[in-house]
Structures are given as structure tokens and as C-alpha cells.
Amino acid sequence: MEQVIAHYGGKTGADSALTPEEWQEGGKWFSYGEYAIFSRMSGEGEPLVLLHGFPTASWDWSRLWPLLAQQPYQLLALDMMGFGFSDKPVNYAYSIEDQADLYEGWIEGLHLKRVHLMAHDYGCSVTQELLAREQEGLLRFRIASVCFLNGALFPEVHRPLMIQRLLSSPLGGLVSRGLSRKVFDRNFCQLFSAQRCPGPDELDHFWQLLTYNNGRGIQHRLIHYMEERRCHRNRWVNALQRAEQPIRLISGTADPVSGVAMALRYRELVPSPDVVTLRGVGHYPHYESPAEVFRAFREFQKKIRD
């Protein structure tokens, strides 16, 4: 099944978006081993866990959050290790598996027995690992449904930007430490559609989250996830193919790294694929066009209930 959404009017969610400082003020920290993890929770109802991407943070969801908050969900988001307002140790073995451990422990610690997941980019890989663990009987909670936003579900059709290739090269440490605001802005804007590129103030926010607590110096360590995707490709793709819960992919077609080709591959490999494509939307659909994402998610959940 495929739907194409060209435009959705009404309140976008951007009207009530928070600054990173306001987002931080509404959250709390918890301990993951010796490290502090930033989290944000609100609402009542079925738990909906939002998993962010690289190199950003849970603030990415700030435009979609007020729309989701109108629904009967308990919204939960955190900044993964090395991201946003969470700790960013220099000598740490960052990995998708460790981030999955973080989410697994957090969800279990909250005594949640059934959760819905919405994941973007890096968070998609974490979700694939959680799906694989559930299928192996390793989770103490059930994943009720999954909604993927643009992410490299299939590494063979992922097209990383040059800056990502450099960060993952032997020169990654130098590139990471030498990353300038100008280079960041130029590369980050490539991920968005031409009509929806963030303005100067928005780029300030994304840069602030990346550089908070010396985050610029660890980007080359975080980006090892691209190699993890290749190493765990069969495990994580099999998790999609064997999944019994409802899954929907919402894909911005203007995404240069994991857009049209990723959606095509999804339809090729996933049984009974449920795909919604958003025209003129890039790699960050929940930030670029939150109302369209909200409508697609709401329809998905309605279909599950019916």
C-alpha cells in the first residue's frame, strides 16, 4: 500500500515549537550507568516513544510534539548517548546496540508493557535492533507498532553526504574537531528540500545541540553506525521482514541520502509494505512538515485500531 501526500493545511506545529532551552527546561535527567541522559515526557495514554536521528537530538520532535499531544498518548523521548543534552564522553564505545540497551532499560524502568515507536534516521537502526530482540524473546515489553521516518533501513541504497564519508574515514577525528559552523550549515541544509531549508535561527538551534558539552569532538565516534548498519544488515533487515506488528514508512521524497531509493527498496523487500511518501519534503519530515507527518501517523494508528 502506498499513499502520496502533497500538502496538508492547518496548524503546522511549528507555531508552538520550543527553543532548545525551553525544551530542556521541560525535561529531566536519569542515570545510565555513570552517565546522565536527558529525557522528556508528557501526556497520558498509550506510550509512544520517539527516537531521534544523527547528528541531532530529541528537540527534532518539538514541532510534531504539540500535534501528537492532542492525541491520547504518553509521549516519551530522550537524547541518546552522545547527543543533545545527554552526556558525551570522549572515550566511549558508541554503538547502535548500546543505544538499544539504553532504550530497553529506560522502558523497562518505567514499567511499560506495550509501546509504540516512531523513529527517524539513526533511531531507525536502533528500532530495528529492538525489533530483532523482541523476535528473539529478549524484551520484557511488547512493541505494538512502528512508524519509520527517513532512515537507512537498507545500507545498500544509503547515500551519505561527503562530510559523513569524511567523518567515518581515518581522518574522522580531525574532521570532527575541525568542524566549523559554516561547514555544518552547508552540509546540514543539503538534507532538506530547497523550499524548507532551516533559517539562520533554526540552524543556530541545531548547531547549539550538536556542540553542547563538546559534542563536536565526538562526531567521528558516533558515525560508526554506518559501518554497524553494514555489519548487521541481515539481522536488521530480517527483523523488518519477520515483524508481526503494524509498520508504516513515512518518506520525504526530496531526501538525498535515504529518500526515494530507500522507499523503493522497502517496497521490494518488506511484505505488504505500508508506505506514505511526502512530496517536496527532505530528510527531516517531522521538522519540515509536521502536519503531514501527523496526518499520516494518525491515519496509521486509526487503521490499527479499526
Protein backbone atom coordinates (compact mmCIF):
# COMPACT_ATOMS: atom_id res chain seq x y z
CA MET A 1 0.00 0.00 0.00
CA GLU A 2 1.28 3.47 -0.84
CA GLN A 3 -0.09 6.92 -0.29
CA VAL A 4 1.32 10.17 -1.64
CA ILE A 5 0.78 13.36 0.32
CA ALA A 6 1.47 16.64 -1.44
CA HIS A 7 0.15 19.12 1.11
CA TYR A 8 -1.78 19.26 4.35
CA GLY A 9 -3.12 22.57 5.59
CA GLY A 10 -3.94 23.72 9.07
CA LYS A 11 -1.73 24.29 12.07
CA THR A 12 1.74 23.01 11.36
CA GLY A 13 3.06 22.50 14.86
CA ALA A 14 5.88 24.92 14.09
CA ASP A 15 3.71 27.67 15.52
CA SER A 16 4.22 26.21 19.00
CA ALA A 17 7.76 24.85 18.59
CA LEU A 18 10.05 25.38 21.56
CA THR A 19 13.61 26.62 21.57
CA PRO A 20 16.22 24.11 22.75
CA GLU A 21 16.42 25.95 26.07
CA GLU A 22 12.65 25.68 26.56
CA TRP A 23 12.77 22.03 25.51
CA GLN A 24 15.50 21.39 28.08
CA GLU A 25 13.54 23.17 30.82
CA GLY A 26 10.62 20.80 30.31
CA GLY A 27 12.74 17.65 30.66
CA LYS A 28 14.60 15.68 33.27
CA TRP A 29 17.73 13.55 33.51
CA PHE A 30 18.19 9.95 34.59
CA SER A 31 21.28 7.81 35.07
CA TYR A 32 22.58 5.32 32.53
CA GLY A 33 25.49 3.75 34.35
CA GLU A 34 27.67 6.70 35.33
CA TYR A 35 26.21 8.98 32.67
CA ALA A 36 23.30 11.44 32.63
CA ILE A 37 20.62 11.06 29.95
CA PHE A 38 18.17 13.83 29.10
CA SER A 39 14.52 12.82 28.65
CA ARG A 40 11.18 14.45 28.12
CA MET A 41 7.72 13.01 28.84
CA SER A 42 4.17 14.32 28.74
CA GLY A 43 0.56 13.22 28.32
CA GLU A 44 -1.44 10.17 29.25
CA GLY A 45 -2.46 7.16 27.24
CA GLU A 46 -0.62 4.55 25.21
CA PRO A 47 3.15 5.11 25.36
CA LEU A 48 4.66 6.50 22.16
CA VAL A 49 8.47 6.54 22.17
CA LEU A 50 10.16 8.95 19.74
CA LEU A 51 13.71 8.04 18.61
CA HIS A 52 15.79 10.82 17.03
CA GLY A 53 18.47 10.78 14.36
CA PHE A 54 22.11 11.76 13.77
CA PRO A 55 23.57 14.29 14.49
CA THR A 56 20.64 15.93 16.21
CA ALA A 57 18.51 15.19 19.31
CA SER A 58 15.03 14.80 20.75
CA TRP A 59 14.39 18.51 20.07
CA ASP A 60 13.83 17.44 16.45
CA TRP A 61 10.37 16.33 17.60
CA SER A 62 9.45 19.75 19.03
CA ARG A 63 7.29 20.71 16.03
CA LEU A 64 5.43 17.40 15.94
CA TRP A 65 5.13 17.09 19.73
CA PRO A 66 2.19 19.53 20.21
CA LEU A 67 0.21 17.78 17.48
CA LEU A 68 0.81 14.34 18.97
CA ALA A 69 -0.03 15.75 22.40
CA GLN A 70 -3.60 16.33 21.19
CA GLN A 71 -3.99 12.56 20.96
CA PRO A 72 -4.31 10.06 23.85
CA TYR A 73 -0.60 9.21 24.04
CA GLN A 74 2.04 9.30 26.70
CA LEU A 75 4.88 10.89 24.73
CA LEU A 76 8.43 9.85 25.62
CA ALA A 77 11.69 11.00 24.09
CA LEU A 78 15.33 11.09 25.13
CA ASP A 79 18.67 12.28 23.83
CA MET A 80 20.78 9.22 23.16
CA MET A 81 24.32 8.86 24.49
CA GLY A 82 26.49 11.46 22.77
CA PHE A 83 23.58 13.57 21.52
CA GLY A 84 21.80 16.76 22.55
CA PHE A 85 21.69 17.41 26.29
CA SER A 86 22.84 13.92 27.32
CA ASP A 87 26.42 13.19 28.35
CA LYS A 88 29.01 12.99 25.58
CA PRO A 89 32.07 11.16 26.93
CA VAL A 90 35.08 11.24 24.64
CA ASN A 91 36.33 7.70 25.20
CA TYR A 92 33.08 5.80 24.91
CA ALA A 93 32.16 2.82 22.72
CA TYR A 94 29.18 4.39 20.96
CA SER A 95 27.05 1.85 19.14
CA ILE A 96 23.52 1.14 17.98
CA GLU A 97 23.41 -1.87 20.30
CA ASP A 98 24.34 0.29 23.29
CA GLN A 99 21.65 2.85 22.37
CA ALA A 100 19.16 -0.04 22.16
CA ASP A 101 20.28 -1.10 25.65
CA LEU A 102 19.59 2.47 26.80
CA TYR A 103 16.03 2.45 25.43
CA GLU A 104 15.35 -1.08 26.65
CA GLY A 105 16.43 -0.23 30.20
CA TRP A 106 14.52 3.07 30.18
CA ILE A 107 11.27 1.49 29.00
CA GLU A 108 11.59 -1.37 31.47
CA GLY A 109 12.44 1.07 34.26
CA LEU A 110 9.21 2.94 33.54
CA HIS A 111 7.36 -0.40 33.86
CA LEU A 112 5.82 -0.08 30.41
CA LYS A 113 4.49 -3.33 28.97
CA ARG A 114 3.48 -2.13 25.50
CA VAL A 115 4.89 0.76 23.46
CA HIS A 116 4.53 2.32 20.02
CA LEU A 117 7.74 3.52 18.36
CA MET A 118 8.30 6.40 15.94
CA ALA A 119 11.87 6.57 14.69
CA HIS A 120 13.96 8.77 12.42
CA ASP A 121 17.35 8.20 10.78
CA TYR A 122 19.79 6.78 13.40
CA GLY A 123 16.76 5.94 15.54
CA CYS A 124 15.51 3.64 12.77
CA SER A 125 18.55 1.41 13.24
CA VAL A 126 18.01 1.38 16.99
CA THR A 127 14.40 0.35 16.36
CA GLN A 128 15.47 -2.45 14.03
CA GLU A 129 17.72 -3.78 16.79
CA LEU A 130 14.83 -3.62 19.27
CA LEU A 131 12.57 -5.47 16.81
CA ALA A 132 15.21 -8.19 16.44
CA ARG A 133 15.48 -8.52 20.22
CA GLU A 134 11.71 -8.82 20.56
CA GLN A 135 11.65 -11.58 17.95
CA GLU A 136 14.34 -13.38 19.92
CA GLY A 137 12.28 -13.15 23.10
CA LEU A 138 14.72 -10.81 24.82
CA LEU A 139 12.44 -7.85 25.62
CA ARG A 140 10.19 -7.56 28.66
CA PHE A 141 7.79 -5.28 26.80
CA ARG A 142 5.91 -5.55 23.51
CA ILE A 143 6.35 -3.27 20.53
CA ALA A 144 2.77 -2.55 19.45
CA SER A 145 3.55 -0.66 16.23
CA VAL A 146 6.40 1.10 14.44
CA CYS A 147 6.42 4.24 12.32
CA PHE A 148 9.66 4.87 10.45
CA LEU A 149 10.67 8.25 9.07
CA ASN A 150 13.54 8.68 6.60
CA GLY A 151 16.36 6.41 7.68
CA ALA A 152 18.88 3.96 6.20
CA LEU A 153 16.89 0.78 6.72
CA PHE A 154 18.85 -0.82 3.87
CA PRO A 155 22.52 0.27 3.79
CA GLU A 156 22.97 -0.77 0.15
CA VAL A 157 20.86 2.20 -1.02
CA HIS A 158 22.04 4.73 1.58
CA ARG A 159 23.81 7.72 0.02
CA PRO A 160 25.79 9.52 2.75
CA LEU A 161 26.93 13.09 2.33
CA MET A 162 30.63 13.76 1.76
CA ILE A 163 31.00 15.09 5.31
CA GLN A 164 29.66 11.78 6.63
CA ARG A 165 32.16 9.87 4.49
CA LEU A 166 34.99 12.02 5.81
CA LEU A 167 33.88 11.60 9.42
CA SER A 168 33.89 7.81 9.00
CA SER A 169 37.34 7.82 7.35
CA PRO A 170 40.75 7.59 9.10
CA LEU A 171 40.70 11.41 9.11
CA GLY A 172 37.41 11.45 11.03
CA GLY A 173 38.92 12.73 14.27
CA LEU A 174 40.45 15.77 12.58
CA VAL A 175 37.29 16.44 10.60
CA SER A 176 35.15 16.18 13.73
CA ARG A 177 37.28 18.50 15.85
CA GLY A 178 37.69 20.97 12.98
CA LEU A 179 34.03 21.08 12.02
CA SER A 180 33.09 24.73 11.56
CA ARG A 181 29.70 26.38 11.70
CA LYS A 182 29.94 27.27 8.01
CA VAL A 183 30.67 23.67 7.00
CA PHE A 184 27.89 22.40 9.24
CA ASP A 185 25.30 24.80 7.81
CA ARG A 186 26.23 23.99 4.22
CA ASN A 187 26.06 20.22 4.70
CA PHE A 188 23.05 20.15 7.02
CA CYS A 189 20.96 22.23 4.63
CA GLN A 190 21.57 19.65 1.90
CA LEU A 191 19.34 17.25 3.85
CA PHE A 192 16.29 19.49 3.47
CA SER A 193 14.22 20.28 0.42
CA ALA A 194 15.15 23.59 -1.20
CA GLN A 195 11.85 25.13 -0.09
CA ARG A 196 12.20 24.04 3.55
CA CYS A 197 15.83 24.69 4.46
CA PRO A 198 16.18 25.94 8.06
CA GLY A 199 16.68 29.66 8.55
CA PRO A 200 19.60 31.20 10.48
CA ASP A 201 17.85 30.99 13.86
CA GLU A 202 16.92 27.34 13.31
CA LEU A 203 20.47 26.49 12.26
CA ASP A 204 21.63 28.17 15.47
CA HIS A 205 19.46 25.73 17.42
CA PHE A 206 20.76 22.64 15.60
CA TRP A 207 24.37 23.81 15.99
CA GLN A 208 23.81 24.53 19.68
CA LEU A 209 22.57 20.97 20.26
CA LEU A 210 25.47 19.43 18.35
CA THR A 211 28.17 21.45 20.12
CA TYR A 212 26.62 21.31 23.61
CA ASN A 213 29.06 19.76 26.08
CA ASN A 214 31.83 19.36 23.46
CA GLY A 215 29.66 17.30 21.11
CA ARG A 216 31.58 18.45 18.04
CA GLY A 217 34.61 16.41 19.11
CA ILE A 218 32.85 13.02 19.09
CA GLN A 219 31.03 13.05 15.76
CA HIS A 220 33.57 10.67 14.24
CA ARG A 221 32.85 8.20 17.05
CA LEU A 222 29.08 8.40 16.67
CA ILE A 223 29.19 7.90 12.92
CA HIS A 224 30.47 4.35 13.29
CA TYR A 225 26.78 3.48 12.98
CA MET A 226 27.19 3.45 9.18
CA GLU A 227 29.58 0.51 9.46
CA GLU A 228 27.28 -1.13 12.02
CA ARG A 229 24.44 -0.97 9.51
CA ARG A 230 26.55 -2.89 7.02
CA CYS A 231 27.71 -5.44 9.59
CA HIS A 232 24.21 -6.06 10.99
CA ARG A 233 22.42 -5.67 7.68
CA ASN A 234 20.93 -9.17 7.54
CA ARG A 235 19.84 -9.16 11.19
CA TRP A 236 18.16 -5.79 10.94
CA VAL A 237 16.52 -6.35 7.55
CA ASN A 238 15.27 -9.75 8.69
CA ALA A 239 13.71 -8.02 11.69
CA LEU A 240 11.66 -5.89 9.30
CA GLN A 241 10.66 -8.85 7.18
CA ARG A 242 9.60 -11.00 10.15
CA ALA A 243 7.83 -8.27 12.08
CA GLU A 244 4.29 -9.12 13.09
CA GLN A 245 3.26 -5.69 14.35
CA PRO A 246 1.94 -2.97 12.01
CA ILE A 247 4.71 -0.88 10.46
CA ARG A 248 4.47 2.25 8.33
CA LEU A 249 7.23 4.10 6.50
CA ILE A 250 6.71 7.85 6.03
CA SER A 251 9.26 9.03 3.48
CA GLY A 252 10.18 12.53 2.35
CA THR A 253 10.96 12.18 -1.36
CA ALA A 254 13.38 15.15 -1.51
CA ASP A 255 15.81 13.43 0.86
CA PRO A 256 19.18 12.96 -0.92
CA VAL A 257 20.52 10.27 1.45
CA SER A 258 17.61 7.96 2.27
CA GLY A 259 14.61 9.10 0.30
CA VAL A 260 13.14 7.67 -2.91
CA ALA A 261 15.62 4.80 -3.29
CA MET A 262 15.07 3.72 0.32
CA ALA A 263 11.28 3.72 -0.10
CA LEU A 264 11.61 1.67 -3.31
CA ARG A 265 13.84 -0.85 -1.56
CA TYR A 266 11.38 -1.04 1.32
CA ARG A 267 8.59 -1.95 -1.09
CA GLU A 268 10.81 -4.59 -2.70
CA LEU A 269 11.87 -6.36 0.49
CA VAL A 270 9.16 -5.87 3.13
CA PRO A 271 5.99 -7.99 2.89
CA SER A 272 2.77 -5.95 2.41
CA PRO A 273 4.64 -2.62 2.64
CA ASP A 274 2.77 0.36 4.04
CA VAL A 275 4.44 3.47 2.63
CA VAL A 276 3.43 7.12 2.66
CA THR A 277 5.52 9.48 0.54
CA LEU A 278 5.67 13.22 1.15
CA ARG A 279 6.45 15.27 -1.95
CA GLY A 280 8.78 18.20 -1.56
CA VAL A 281 9.92 17.07 1.89
CA GLY A 282 13.51 16.15 2.71
CA HIS A 283 15.31 14.07 5.32
CA TYR A 284 13.60 15.64 8.36
CA PRO A 285 9.88 15.27 7.59
CA HIS A 286 8.79 15.68 11.21
CA TYR A 287 10.61 19.01 11.35
CA GLU A 288 9.98 20.21 7.79
CA SER A 289 6.31 19.28 7.58
CA PRO A 290 4.98 18.12 10.96
CA ALA A 291 1.31 18.38 9.98
CA GLU A 292 1.77 15.97 7.07
CA VAL A 293 3.61 13.53 9.29
CA PHE A 294 0.94 13.86 11.96
CA ARG A 295 -1.84 13.11 9.50
CA ALA A 296 0.00 10.06 8.14
CA PHE A 297 0.67 8.78 11.66
CA ARG A 298 -2.90 9.43 12.82
CA GLU A 299 -4.28 7.51 9.83
CA PHE A 300 -1.86 4.68 10.56
CA GLN A 301 -2.99 4.42 14.16
CA LYS A 302 -6.65 4.60 13.12
CA LYS A 303 -6.07 1.72 10.73
CA ILE A 304 -4.52 -0.31 13.57
CA ARG A 305 -7.47 0.33 15.88
CA ASP A 306 -10.03 -0.46 13.18
